Amino acid sequence: GLVQAGGSLRLSCAASGNIFSINNMGWYRQAPGKQRELV
């Protein structure tokens, strides 16, 4: 969403489907004109 500087957000990611197991998980971000980076 949209927040003011100094504010907070909580991102959630849920995996679904025919899952046996999950190893590593993570969040990446990408700004326009920039490379995707690990957060």
Full PDB file with SEQRES, HELIX, SHEET, SSBOND, CRYST1, ORIGX, SCALE, CONECT and MASTER records, all heavy atoms in Angstrom:
SEQRES   1 A   39  GLY LEU VAL GLN ALA GLY GLY SER LEU ARG LEU SER CYS          
SEQRES   2 A   39  ALA ALA SER GLY ASN ILE PHE SER ILE ASN ASN MET GLY          
SEQRES   3 A   39  TRP TYR ARG GLN ALA PRO GLY LYS GLN ARG GLU LEU VAL          
CRYST1    1.000    1.000    1.000  90.00  90.00  90.00 P 1           1          
ORIGX1      1.000000  0.000000  0.000000        0.00000                         
ORIGX2      0.000000  1.000000  0.000000        0.00000                         
ORIGX3      0.000000  0.000000  1.000000        0.00000                         
SCALE1      1.000000  0.000000  0.000000        0.00000                         
SCALE2      0.000000  1.000000  0.000000        0.00000                         
SCALE3      0.000000  0.000000  1.000000        0.00000                         
ATOM      1  N   GLY A   1       0.807  -1.201   0.000  1.00  0.00           N  
ATOM      2  CA  GLY A   1       0.000   0.000   0.000  1.00  0.00           C  
ATOM      3  C   GLY A   1       0.841   1.252   0.000  1.00  0.00           C  
ATOM      4  O   GLY A   1       2.052   1.209  -0.221  1.00  0.00           O  
ATOM      5  N   LEU A   2       0.182   2.371   0.251  1.00  0.00           N  
ATOM      6  CA  LEU A   2       0.811   3.689   0.295  1.00  0.00           C  
ATOM      7  C   LEU A   2       0.865   4.167   1.735  1.00  0.00           C  
ATOM      8  O   LEU A   2      -0.162   4.202   2.422  1.00  0.00           O  
ATOM      9  CB  LEU A   2       0.022   4.677  -0.563  1.00  0.00           C  
ATOM     10  CG  LEU A   2       0.439   6.143  -0.498  1.00  0.00           C  
ATOM     11  CD1 LEU A   2       1.850   6.314  -1.036  1.00  0.00           C  
ATOM     12  CD2 LEU A   2      -0.543   7.001  -1.270  1.00  0.00           C  
ATOM     13  N   VAL A   3       2.061   4.537   2.191  1.00  0.00           N  
ATOM     14  CA  VAL A   3       2.239   5.023   3.553  1.00  0.00           C  
ATOM     15  C   VAL A   3       3.168   6.222   3.561  1.00  0.00           C  
ATOM     16  O   VAL A   3       3.955   6.436   2.630  1.00  0.00           O  
ATOM     17  CB  VAL A   3       2.795   3.937   4.499  1.00  0.00           C  
ATOM     18  CG1 VAL A   3       1.833   2.764   4.612  1.00  0.00           C  
ATOM     19  CG2 VAL A   3       4.156   3.464   4.018  1.00  0.00           C  
ATOM     20  N   GLN A   4       3.070   7.005   4.626  1.00  0.00           N  
ATOM     21  CA  GLN A   4       3.976   8.119   4.837  1.00  0.00           C  
ATOM     22  C   GLN A   4       5.307   7.620   5.388  1.00  0.00           C  
ATOM     23  O   GLN A   4       5.383   6.565   6.015  1.00  0.00           O  
ATOM     24  CB  GLN A   4       3.373   9.121   5.808  1.00  0.00           C  
ATOM     25  CG  GLN A   4       2.124   9.825   5.321  1.00  0.00           C  
ATOM     26  CD  GLN A   4       2.438  10.920   4.341  1.00  0.00           C  
ATOM     27  OE1 GLN A   4       2.312  10.733   3.128  1.00  0.00           O  
ATOM     28  NE2 GLN A   4       2.864  12.066   4.847  1.00  0.00           N  
ATOM     29  N   ALA A   5       6.364   8.371   5.134  1.00  0.00           N  
ATOM     30  CA  ALA A   5       7.658   8.038   5.709  1.00  0.00           C  
ATOM     31  C   ALA A   5       7.539   7.915   7.226  1.00  0.00           C  
ATOM     32  O   ALA A   5       6.890   8.734   7.876  1.00  0.00           O  
ATOM     33  CB  ALA A   5       8.693   9.088   5.341  1.00  0.00           C  
ATOM     34  N   GLY A   6       8.167   6.882   7.762  1.00  0.00           N  
ATOM     35  CA  GLY A   6       8.079   6.610   9.183  1.00  0.00           C  
ATOM     36  C   GLY A   6       6.975   5.651   9.558  1.00  0.00           C  
ATOM     37  O   GLY A   6       6.929   5.186  10.704  1.00  0.00           O  
ATOM     38  N   GLY A   7       6.104   5.335   8.615  1.00  0.00           N  
ATOM     39  CA  GLY A   7       5.009   4.428   8.870  1.00  0.00           C  
ATOM     40  C   GLY A   7       5.418   2.976   8.756  1.00  0.00           C  
ATOM     41  O   GLY A   7       6.586   2.650   8.536  1.00  0.00           O  
ATOM     42  N   SER A   8       4.438   2.093   8.883  1.00  0.00           N  
ATOM     43  CA  SER A   8       4.682   0.655   8.878  1.00  0.00           C  
ATOM     44  C   SER A   8       3.719  -0.065   7.951  1.00  0.00           C  
ATOM     45  O   SER A   8       2.595   0.384   7.722  1.00  0.00           O  
ATOM     46  CB  SER A   8       4.532   0.080  10.291  1.00  0.00           C  
ATOM     47  OG  SER A   8       5.471   0.633  11.189  1.00  0.00           O  
ATOM     48  N   LEU A   9       4.171  -1.188   7.428  1.00  0.00           N  
ATOM     49  CA  LEU A   9       3.351  -2.103   6.659  1.00  0.00           C  
ATOM     50  C   LEU A   9       3.737  -3.525   7.018  1.00  0.00           C  
ATOM     51  O   LEU A   9       4.877  -3.781   7.417  1.00  0.00           O  
ATOM     52  CB  LEU A   9       3.530  -1.908   5.152  1.00  0.00           C  
ATOM     53  CG  LEU A   9       2.875  -0.702   4.492  1.00  0.00           C  
ATOM     54  CD1 LEU A   9       3.323  -0.622   3.032  1.00  0.00           C  
ATOM     55  CD2 LEU A   9       1.360  -0.788   4.573  1.00  0.00           C  
ATOM     56  N   ARG A  10       2.795  -4.437   6.854  1.00  0.00           N  
ATOM     57  CA  ARG A  10       3.037  -5.842   7.102  1.00  0.00           C  
ATOM     58  C   ARG A  10       2.651  -6.630   5.857  1.00  0.00           C  
ATOM     59  O   ARG A  10       1.480  -6.658   5.476  1.00  0.00           O  
ATOM     60  CB  ARG A  10       2.222  -6.325   8.300  1.00  0.00           C  
ATOM     61  CG  ARG A  10       2.462  -7.776   8.706  1.00  0.00           C  
ATOM     62  CD  ARG A  10       1.616  -8.115   9.932  1.00  0.00           C  
ATOM     63  NE  ARG A  10       1.744  -9.494  10.366  1.00  0.00           N  
ATOM     64  CZ  ARG A  10       2.677  -9.944  11.193  1.00  0.00           C  
ATOM     65  NH1 ARG A  10       3.600  -9.113  11.673  1.00  0.00           N  
ATOM     66  NH2 ARG A  10       2.706 -11.219  11.549  1.00  0.00           N  
ATOM     67  N   LEU A  11       3.632  -7.251   5.223  1.00  0.00           N  
ATOM     68  CA  LEU A  11       3.403  -8.054   4.043  1.00  0.00           C  
ATOM     69  C   LEU A  11       3.238  -9.518   4.431  1.00  0.00           C  
ATOM     70  O   LEU A  11       3.926 -10.015   5.318  1.00  0.00           O  
ATOM     71  CB  LEU A  11       4.549  -7.919   3.051  1.00  0.00           C  
ATOM     72  CG  LEU A  11       4.911  -6.510   2.588  1.00  0.00           C  
ATOM     73  CD1 LEU A  11       6.013  -6.583   1.526  1.00  0.00           C  
ATOM     74  CD2 LEU A  11       3.692  -5.783   2.051  1.00  0.00           C  
ATOM     75  N   SER A  12       2.349 -10.186   3.728  1.00  0.00           N  
ATOM     76  CA  SER A  12       2.096 -11.594   3.970  1.00  0.00           C  
ATOM     77  C   SER A  12       2.148 -12.347   2.654  1.00  0.00           C  
ATOM     78  O   SER A  12       1.722 -11.840   1.617  1.00  0.00           O  
ATOM     79  CB  SER A  12       0.725 -11.786   4.635  1.00  0.00           C  
ATOM     80  OG  SER A  12       0.433 -13.162   4.813  1.00  0.00           O  
ATOM     81  N   CYS A  13       2.661 -13.558   2.695  1.00  0.00           N  
ATOM     82  CA  CYS A  13       2.733 -14.417   1.517  1.00  0.00           C  
ATOM     83  C   CYS A  13       2.381 -15.831   1.934  1.00  0.00           C  
ATOM     84  O   CYS A  13       3.066 -16.418   2.779  1.00  0.00           O  
ATOM     85  CB  CYS A  13       4.129 -14.369   0.902  1.00  0.00           C  
ATOM     86  SG  CYS A  13       4.397 -15.552  -0.436  1.00  0.00           S  
ATOM     87  N   ALA A  14       1.337 -16.367   1.343  1.00  0.00           N  
ATOM     88  CA  ALA A  14       0.875 -17.708   1.656  1.00  0.00           C  
ATOM     89  C   ALA A  14       1.036 -18.619   0.447  1.00  0.00           C  
ATOM     90  O   ALA A  14       0.577 -18.294  -0.652  1.00  0.00           O  
ATOM     91  CB  ALA A  14      -0.581 -17.682   2.100  1.00  0.00           C  
ATOM     92  N   ALA A  15       1.686 -19.738   0.654  1.00  0.00           N  
ATOM     93  CA  ALA A  15       1.834 -20.743  -0.390  1.00  0.00           C  
ATOM     94  C   ALA A  15       0.671 -21.720  -0.337  1.00  0.00           C  
ATOM     95  O   ALA A  15       0.238 -22.130   0.742  1.00  0.00           O  
ATOM     96  CB  ALA A  15       3.151 -21.498  -0.228  1.00  0.00           C  
ATOM     97  N   SER A  16       0.168 -22.072  -1.499  1.00  0.00           N  
ATOM     98  CA  SER A  16      -0.950 -23.004  -1.566  1.00  0.00           C  
ATOM     99  C   SER A  16      -0.748 -23.965  -2.726  1.00  0.00           C  
ATOM    100  O   SER A  16       0.000 -23.688  -3.659  1.00  0.00           O  
ATOM    101  CB  SER A  16      -2.283 -22.263  -1.710  1.00  0.00           C  
ATOM    102  OG  SER A  16      -2.315 -21.516  -2.909  1.00  0.00           O  
ATOM    103  N   GLY A  17      -1.442 -25.079  -2.658  1.00  0.00           N  
ATOM    104  CA  GLY A  17      -1.338 -26.092  -3.688  1.00  0.00           C  
ATOM    105  C   GLY A  17      -0.916 -27.423  -3.108  1.00  0.00           C  
ATOM    106  O   GLY A  17      -1.008 -27.656  -1.906  1.00  0.00           O  
ATOM    107  N   ASN A  18      -0.435 -28.283  -3.975  1.00  0.00           N  
ATOM    108  CA  ASN A  18      -0.038 -29.633  -3.578  1.00  0.00           C  
ATOM    109  C   ASN A  18       1.391 -29.611  -3.047  1.00  0.00           C  
ATOM    110  O   ASN A  18       2.332 -30.039  -3.707  1.00  0.00           O  
ATOM    111  CB  ASN A  18      -0.169 -30.579  -4.766  1.00  0.00           C  
ATOM    112  CG  ASN A  18      -0.065 -32.029  -4.362  1.00  0.00           C  
ATOM    113  OD1 ASN A  18      -0.308 -32.384  -3.209  1.00  0.00           O  
ATOM    114  ND2 ASN A  18       0.297 -32.880  -5.307  1.00  0.00           N  
ATOM    115  N   ILE A  19       1.547 -29.112  -1.824  1.00  0.00           N  
ATOM    116  CA  ILE A  19       2.858 -28.873  -1.229  1.00  0.00           C  
ATOM    117  C   ILE A  19       3.302 -30.052  -0.388  1.00  0.00           C  
ATOM    118  O   ILE A  19       2.569 -30.519   0.485  1.00  0.00           O  
ATOM    119  CB  ILE A  19       2.837 -27.599  -0.372  1.00  0.00           C  
ATOM    120  CG1 ILE A  19       2.483 -26.384  -1.229  1.00  0.00           C  
ATOM    121  CG2 ILE A  19       4.189 -27.405   0.309  1.00  0.00           C  
ATOM    122  CD1 ILE A  19       2.228 -25.136  -0.424  1.00  0.00           C  
ATOM    123  N   PHE A  20       4.527 -30.497  -0.645  1.00  0.00           N  
ATOM    124  CA  PHE A  20       5.142 -31.510   0.197  1.00  0.00           C  
ATOM    125  C   PHE A  20       5.990 -30.861   1.290  1.00  0.00           C  
ATOM    126  O   PHE A  20       5.887 -31.217   2.455  1.00  0.00           O  
ATOM    127  CB  PHE A  20       5.992 -32.471  -0.640  1.00  0.00           C  
ATOM    128  CG  PHE A  20       6.655 -33.549   0.170  1.00  0.00           C  
ATOM    129  CD1 PHE A  20       5.938 -34.650   0.592  1.00  0.00           C  
ATOM    130  CD2 PHE A  20       7.992 -33.471   0.518  1.00  0.00           C  
ATOM    131  CE1 PHE A  20       6.534 -35.651   1.348  1.00  0.00           C  
ATOM    132  CE2 PHE A  20       8.604 -34.459   1.261  1.00  0.00           C  
ATOM    133  CZ  PHE A  20       7.871 -35.555   1.680  1.00  0.00           C  
ATOM    134  N   SER A  21       6.821 -29.899   0.904  1.00  0.00           N  
ATOM    135  CA  SER A  21       7.645 -29.196   1.869  1.00  0.00           C  
ATOM    136  C   SER A  21       8.133 -27.887   1.260  1.00  0.00           C  
ATOM    137  O   SER A  21       8.144 -27.721   0.045  1.00  0.00           O  
ATOM    138  CB  SER A  21       8.833 -30.043   2.327  1.00  0.00           C  
ATOM    139  OG  SER A  21       9.706 -30.324   1.251  1.00  0.00           O  
ATOM    140  N   ILE A  22       8.549 -26.965   2.126  1.00  0.00           N  
ATOM    141  CA  ILE A  22       9.096 -25.680   1.715  1.00  0.00           C  
ATOM    142  C   ILE A  22      10.426 -25.470   2.411  1.00  0.00           C  
ATOM    143  O   ILE A  22      10.522 -25.633   3.630  1.00  0.00           O  
ATOM    144  CB  ILE A  22       8.140 -24.525   2.055  1.00  0.00           C  
ATOM    145  CG1 ILE A  22       6.784 -24.733   1.391  1.00  0.00           C  
ATOM    146  CG2 ILE A  22       8.753 -23.194   1.640  1.00  0.00           C  
ATOM    147  CD1 ILE A  22       5.764 -23.666   1.731  1.00  0.00           C  
ATOM    148  N   ASN A  23      11.430 -25.104   1.644  1.00  0.00           N  
ATOM    149  CA  ASN A  23      12.739 -24.839   2.213  1.00  0.00           C  
ATOM    150  C   ASN A  23      12.868 -23.337   2.506  1.00  0.00           C  
ATOM    151  O   ASN A  23      12.098 -22.796   3.292  1.00  0.00           O  
ATOM    152  CB  ASN A  23      13.835 -25.334   1.267  1.00  0.00           C  
ATOM    153  CG  ASN A  23      15.180 -25.458   1.959  1.00  0.00           C  
ATOM    154  OD1 ASN A  23      15.301 -25.238   3.165  1.00  0.00           O  
ATOM    155  ND2 ASN A  23      16.213 -25.799   1.204  1.00  0.00           N  
ATOM    156  N   ASN A  24      13.807 -22.659   1.876  1.00  0.00           N  
ATOM    157  CA  ASN A  24      14.012 -21.239   2.149  1.00  0.00           C  
ATOM    158  C   ASN A  24      12.875 -20.393   1.584  1.00  0.00           C  
ATOM    159  O   ASN A  24      12.289 -20.726   0.553  1.00  0.00           O  
ATOM    160  CB  ASN A  24      15.338 -20.761   1.565  1.00  0.00           C  
ATOM    161  CG  ASN A  24      16.531 -21.440   2.205  1.00  0.00           C  
ATOM    162  OD1 ASN A  24      16.425 -22.041   3.271  1.00  0.00           O  
ATOM    163  ND2 ASN A  24      17.685 -21.329   1.559  1.00  0.00           N  
ATOM    164  N   MET A  25      12.595 -19.282   2.263  1.00  0.00           N  
ATOM    165  CA  MET A  25      11.612 -18.319   1.804  1.00  0.00           C  
ATOM    166  C   MET A  25      12.218 -16.926   1.939  1.00  0.00           C  
ATOM    167  O   MET A  25      13.137 -16.719   2.739  1.00  0.00           O  
ATOM    168  CB  MET A  25      10.318 -18.401   2.614  1.00  0.00           C  
ATOM    169  CG  MET A  25       9.693 -19.785   2.668  1.00  0.00           C  
ATOM    170  SD  MET A  25       8.110 -19.825   3.561  1.00  0.00           S  
ATOM    171  CE  MET A  25       7.018 -19.155   2.300  1.00  0.00           C  
ATOM    172  N   GLY A  26      11.704 -15.987   1.176  1.00  0.00           N  
ATOM    173  CA  GLY A  26      12.253 -14.648   1.267  1.00  0.00           C  
ATOM    174  C   GLY A  26      11.411 -13.612   0.561  1.00  0.00           C  
ATOM    175  O   GLY A  26      10.412 -13.922  -0.093  1.00  0.00           O  
ATOM    176  N   TRP A  27      11.832 -12.375   0.734  1.00  0.00           N  
ATOM    177  CA  TRP A  27      11.209 -11.229   0.082  1.00  0.00           C  
ATOM    178  C   TRP A  27      12.252 -10.479  -0.728  1.00  0.00           C  
ATOM    179  O   TRP A  27      13.357 -10.204  -0.237  1.00  0.00           O  
ATOM    180  CB  TRP A  27      10.586 -10.279   1.102  1.00  0.00           C  
ATOM    181  CG  TRP A  27       9.348 -10.811   1.743  1.00  0.00           C  
ATOM    182  CD1 TRP A  27       9.246 -11.488   2.910  1.00  0.00           C  
ATOM    183  CD2 TRP A  27       8.017 -10.687   1.233  1.00  0.00           C  
ATOM    184  NE1 TRP A  27       7.934 -11.810   3.172  1.00  0.00           N  
ATOM    185  CE2 TRP A  27       7.160 -11.325   2.157  1.00  0.00           C  
ATOM    186  CE3 TRP A  27       7.465 -10.101   0.093  1.00  0.00           C  
ATOM    187  CZ2 TRP A  27       5.776 -11.394   1.969  1.00  0.00           C  
ATOM    188  CZ3 TRP A  27       6.100 -10.167  -0.094  1.00  0.00           C  
ATOM    189  CH2 TRP A  27       5.277 -10.812   0.839  1.00  0.00           C  
ATOM    190  N   TYR A  28      11.899 -10.148  -1.956  1.00  0.00           N  
ATOM    191  CA  TYR A  28      12.705  -9.324  -2.837  1.00  0.00           C  
ATOM    192  C   TYR A  28      11.917  -8.073  -3.186  1.00  0.00           C  
ATOM    193  O   TYR A  28      10.706  -8.041  -3.062  1.00  0.00           O  
ATOM    194  CB  TYR A  28      13.060 -10.073  -4.124  1.00  0.00           C  
ATOM    195  CG  TYR A  28      14.019 -11.229  -3.940  1.00  0.00           C  
ATOM    196  CD1 TYR A  28      13.604 -12.413  -3.341  1.00  0.00           C  
ATOM    197  CD2 TYR A  28      15.333 -11.147  -4.388  1.00  0.00           C  
ATOM    198  CE1 TYR A  28      14.474 -13.475  -3.176  1.00  0.00           C  
ATOM    199  CE2 TYR A  28      16.208 -12.206  -4.232  1.00  0.00           C  
ATOM    200  CZ  TYR A  28      15.776 -13.368  -3.630  1.00  0.00           C  
ATOM    201  OH  TYR A  28      16.639 -14.424  -3.474  1.00  0.00           O  
ATOM    202  N   ARG A  29      12.626  -7.050  -3.650  1.00  0.00           N  
ATOM    203  CA  ARG A  29      11.939  -5.853  -4.117  1.00  0.00           C  
ATOM    204  C   ARG A  29      12.640  -5.302  -5.346  1.00  0.00           C  
ATOM    205  O   ARG A  29      13.824  -5.529  -5.561  1.00  0.00           O  
ATOM    206  CB  ARG A  29      11.857  -4.785  -3.026  1.00  0.00           C  
ATOM    207  CG  ARG A  29      13.183  -4.139  -2.665  1.00  0.00           C  
ATOM    208  CD  ARG A  29      13.009  -3.199  -1.481  1.00  0.00           C  
ATOM    209  NE  ARG A  29      14.262  -2.572  -1.094  1.00  0.00           N  
ATOM    210  CZ  ARG A  29      14.430  -1.877   0.018  1.00  0.00           C  
ATOM    211  NH1 ARG A  29      13.414  -1.709   0.867  1.00  0.00           N  
ATOM    212  NH2 ARG A  29      15.620  -1.332   0.296  1.00  0.00           N  
ATOM    213  N   GLN A  30      11.877  -4.561  -6.133  1.00  0.00           N  
ATOM    214  CA  GLN A  30      12.406  -3.970  -7.347  1.00  0.00           C  
ATOM    215  C   GLN A  30      11.759  -2.611  -7.573  1.00  0.00           C  
ATOM    216  O   GLN A  30      10.537  -2.504  -7.625  1.00  0.00           O  
ATOM    217  CB  GLN A  30      12.156  -4.875  -8.551  1.00  0.00           C  
ATOM    218  CG  GLN A  30      12.820  -4.404  -9.833  1.00  0.00           C  
ATOM    219  CD  GLN A  30      12.766  -5.455 -10.917  1.00  0.00           C  
ATOM    220  OE1 GLN A  30      11.887  -6.305 -10.932  1.00  0.00           O  
ATOM    221  NE2 GLN A  30      13.722  -5.405 -11.825  1.00  0.00           N  
ATOM    222  N   ALA A  31      12.594  -1.599  -7.685  1.00  0.00           N  
ATOM    223  CA  ALA A  31      12.136  -0.260  -8.020  1.00  0.00           C  
ATOM    224  C   ALA A  31      12.292  -0.047  -9.521  1.00  0.00           C  
ATOM    225  O   ALA A  31      13.123  -0.695 -10.166  1.00  0.00           O  
ATOM    226  CB  ALA A  31      12.927   0.788  -7.243  1.00  0.00           C  
ATOM    227  N   PRO A  32      11.507   0.864 -10.118  1.00  0.00           N  
ATOM    228  CA  PRO A  32      11.621   1.122 -11.553  1.00  0.00           C  
ATOM    229  C   PRO A  32      13.044   1.476 -11.954  1.00  0.00           C  
ATOM    230  O   PRO A  32      13.677   2.333 -11.333  1.00  0.00           O  
ATOM    231  CB  PRO A  32      10.669   2.291 -11.781  1.00  0.00           C  
ATOM    232  CG  PRO A  32       9.657   2.163 -10.692  1.00  0.00           C  
ATOM    233  CD  PRO A  32      10.436   1.662  -9.506  1.00  0.00           C  
ATOM    234  N   GLY A  33      13.554   0.810 -12.975  1.00  0.00           N  
ATOM    235  CA  GLY A  33      14.890   1.078 -13.464  1.00  0.00           C  
ATOM    236  C   GLY A  33      16.011   0.489 -12.635  1.00  0.00           C  
ATOM    237  O   GLY A  33      17.184   0.735 -12.930  1.00  0.00           O  
ATOM    238  N   LYS A  34      15.673  -0.285 -11.609  1.00  0.00           N  
ATOM    239  CA  LYS A  34      16.682  -0.878 -10.746  1.00  0.00           C  
ATOM    240  C   LYS A  34      16.583  -2.400 -10.770  1.00  0.00           C  
ATOM    241  O   LYS A  34      15.567  -2.967 -11.164  1.00  0.00           O  
ATOM    242  CB  LYS A  34      16.527  -0.372  -9.315  1.00  0.00           C  
ATOM    243  CG  LYS A  34      16.722   1.128  -9.153  1.00  0.00           C  
ATOM    244  CD  LYS A  34      16.595   1.543  -7.695  1.00  0.00           C  
ATOM    245  CE  LYS A  34      16.804   3.031  -7.522  1.00  0.00           C  
ATOM    246  NZ  LYS A  34      16.659   3.440  -6.100  1.00  0.00           N  
ATOM    247  N   GLN A  35      17.652  -3.043 -10.339  1.00  0.00           N  
ATOM    248  CA  GLN A  35      17.686  -4.496 -10.272  1.00  0.00           C  
ATOM    249  C   GLN A  35      16.901  -5.002  -9.069  1.00  0.00           C  
ATOM    250  O   GLN A  35      16.811  -4.329  -8.038  1.00  0.00           O  
ATOM    251  CB  GLN A  35      19.130  -4.988 -10.189  1.00  0.00           C  
ATOM    252  CG  GLN A  35      19.988  -4.639 -11.394  1.00  0.00           C  
ATOM    253  CD  GLN A  35      19.503  -5.315 -12.646  1.00  0.00           C  
ATOM    254  OE1 GLN A  35      19.231  -6.527 -12.640  1.00  0.00           O  
ATOM    255  NE2 GLN A  35      19.387  -4.562 -13.717  1.00  0.00           N  
ATOM    256  N   ARG A  36      16.338  -6.188  -9.216  1.00  0.00           N  
ATOM    257  CA  ARG A  36      15.671  -6.815  -8.095  1.00  0.00           C  
ATOM    258  C   ARG A  36      16.711  -7.190  -7.035  1.00  0.00           C  
ATOM    259  O   ARG A  36      17.775  -7.727  -7.359  1.00  0.00           O  
ATOM    260  CB  ARG A  36      14.910  -8.064  -8.561  1.00  0.00           C  
ATOM    261  CG  ARG A  36      14.100  -8.730  -7.472  1.00  0.00           C  
ATOM    262  CD  ARG A  36      13.279  -9.894  -8.012  1.00  0.00           C  
ATOM    263  NE  ARG A  36      12.318  -9.461  -9.005  1.00  0.00           N  
ATOM    264  CZ  ARG A  36      11.390 -10.257  -9.539  1.00  0.00           C  
ATOM    265  NH1 ARG A  36      11.306 -11.533  -9.152  1.00  0.00           N  
ATOM    266  NH2 ARG A  36      10.560  -9.785 -10.450  1.00  0.00           N  
ATOM    267  N   GLU A  37      16.402  -6.918  -5.782  1.00  0.00           N  
ATOM    268  CA  GLU A  37      17.330  -7.181  -4.697  1.00  0.00           C  
ATOM    269  C   GLU A  37      16.664  -7.961  -3.578  1.00  0.00           C  
ATOM    270  O   GLU A  37      15.463  -7.837  -3.339  1.00  0.00           O  
ATOM    271  CB  GLU A  37      17.890  -5.867  -4.137  1.00  0.00           C  
ATOM    272  CG  GLU A  37      16.843  -4.969  -3.493  1.00  0.00           C  
ATOM    273  CD  GLU A  37      17.431  -3.747  -2.815  1.00  0.00           C  
ATOM    274  OE1 GLU A  37      18.651  -3.741  -2.539  1.00  0.00           O  
ATOM    275  OE2 GLU A  37      16.671  -2.790  -2.555  1.00  0.00           O  
ATOM    276  N   LEU A  38      17.463  -8.745  -2.896  1.00  0.00           N  
ATOM    277  CA  LEU A  38      16.978  -9.477  -1.736  1.00  0.00           C  
ATOM    278  C   LEU A  38      16.806  -8.525  -0.567  1.00  0.00           C  
ATOM    279  O   LEU A  38      17.734  -7.797  -0.210  1.00  0.00           O  
ATOM    280  CB  LEU A  38      17.950 -10.594  -1.364  1.00  0.00           C  
ATOM    281  CG  LEU A  38      17.610 -11.382  -0.094  1.00  0.00           C  
ATOM    282  CD1 LEU A  38      16.345 -12.200  -0.291  1.00  0.00           C  
ATOM    283  CD2 LEU A  38      18.772 -12.292   0.296  1.00  0.00           C  
ATOM    284  N   VAL A  39      15.629  -8.535   0.021  1.00  0.00           N  
ATOM    285  CA  VAL A  39      15.343  -7.726   1.196  1.00  0.00           C  
ATOM    286  C   VAL A  39      15.584  -8.520   2.466  1.00  0.00           C  
ATOM    287  O   VAL A  39      16.251  -8.053   3.392  1.00  0.00           O  
ATOM    288  CB  VAL A  39      13.896  -7.198   1.167  1.00  0.00           C  
ATOM    289  CG1 VAL A  39      13.586  -6.398   2.428  1.00  0.00           C  
ATOM    290  CG2 VAL A  39      13.670  -6.343  -0.072  1.00  0.00           C  
TER     291      VAL A  39                                                      
MASTER        0    0    0    0    0    0    0    6  290    1    0    3          
END                                                                             
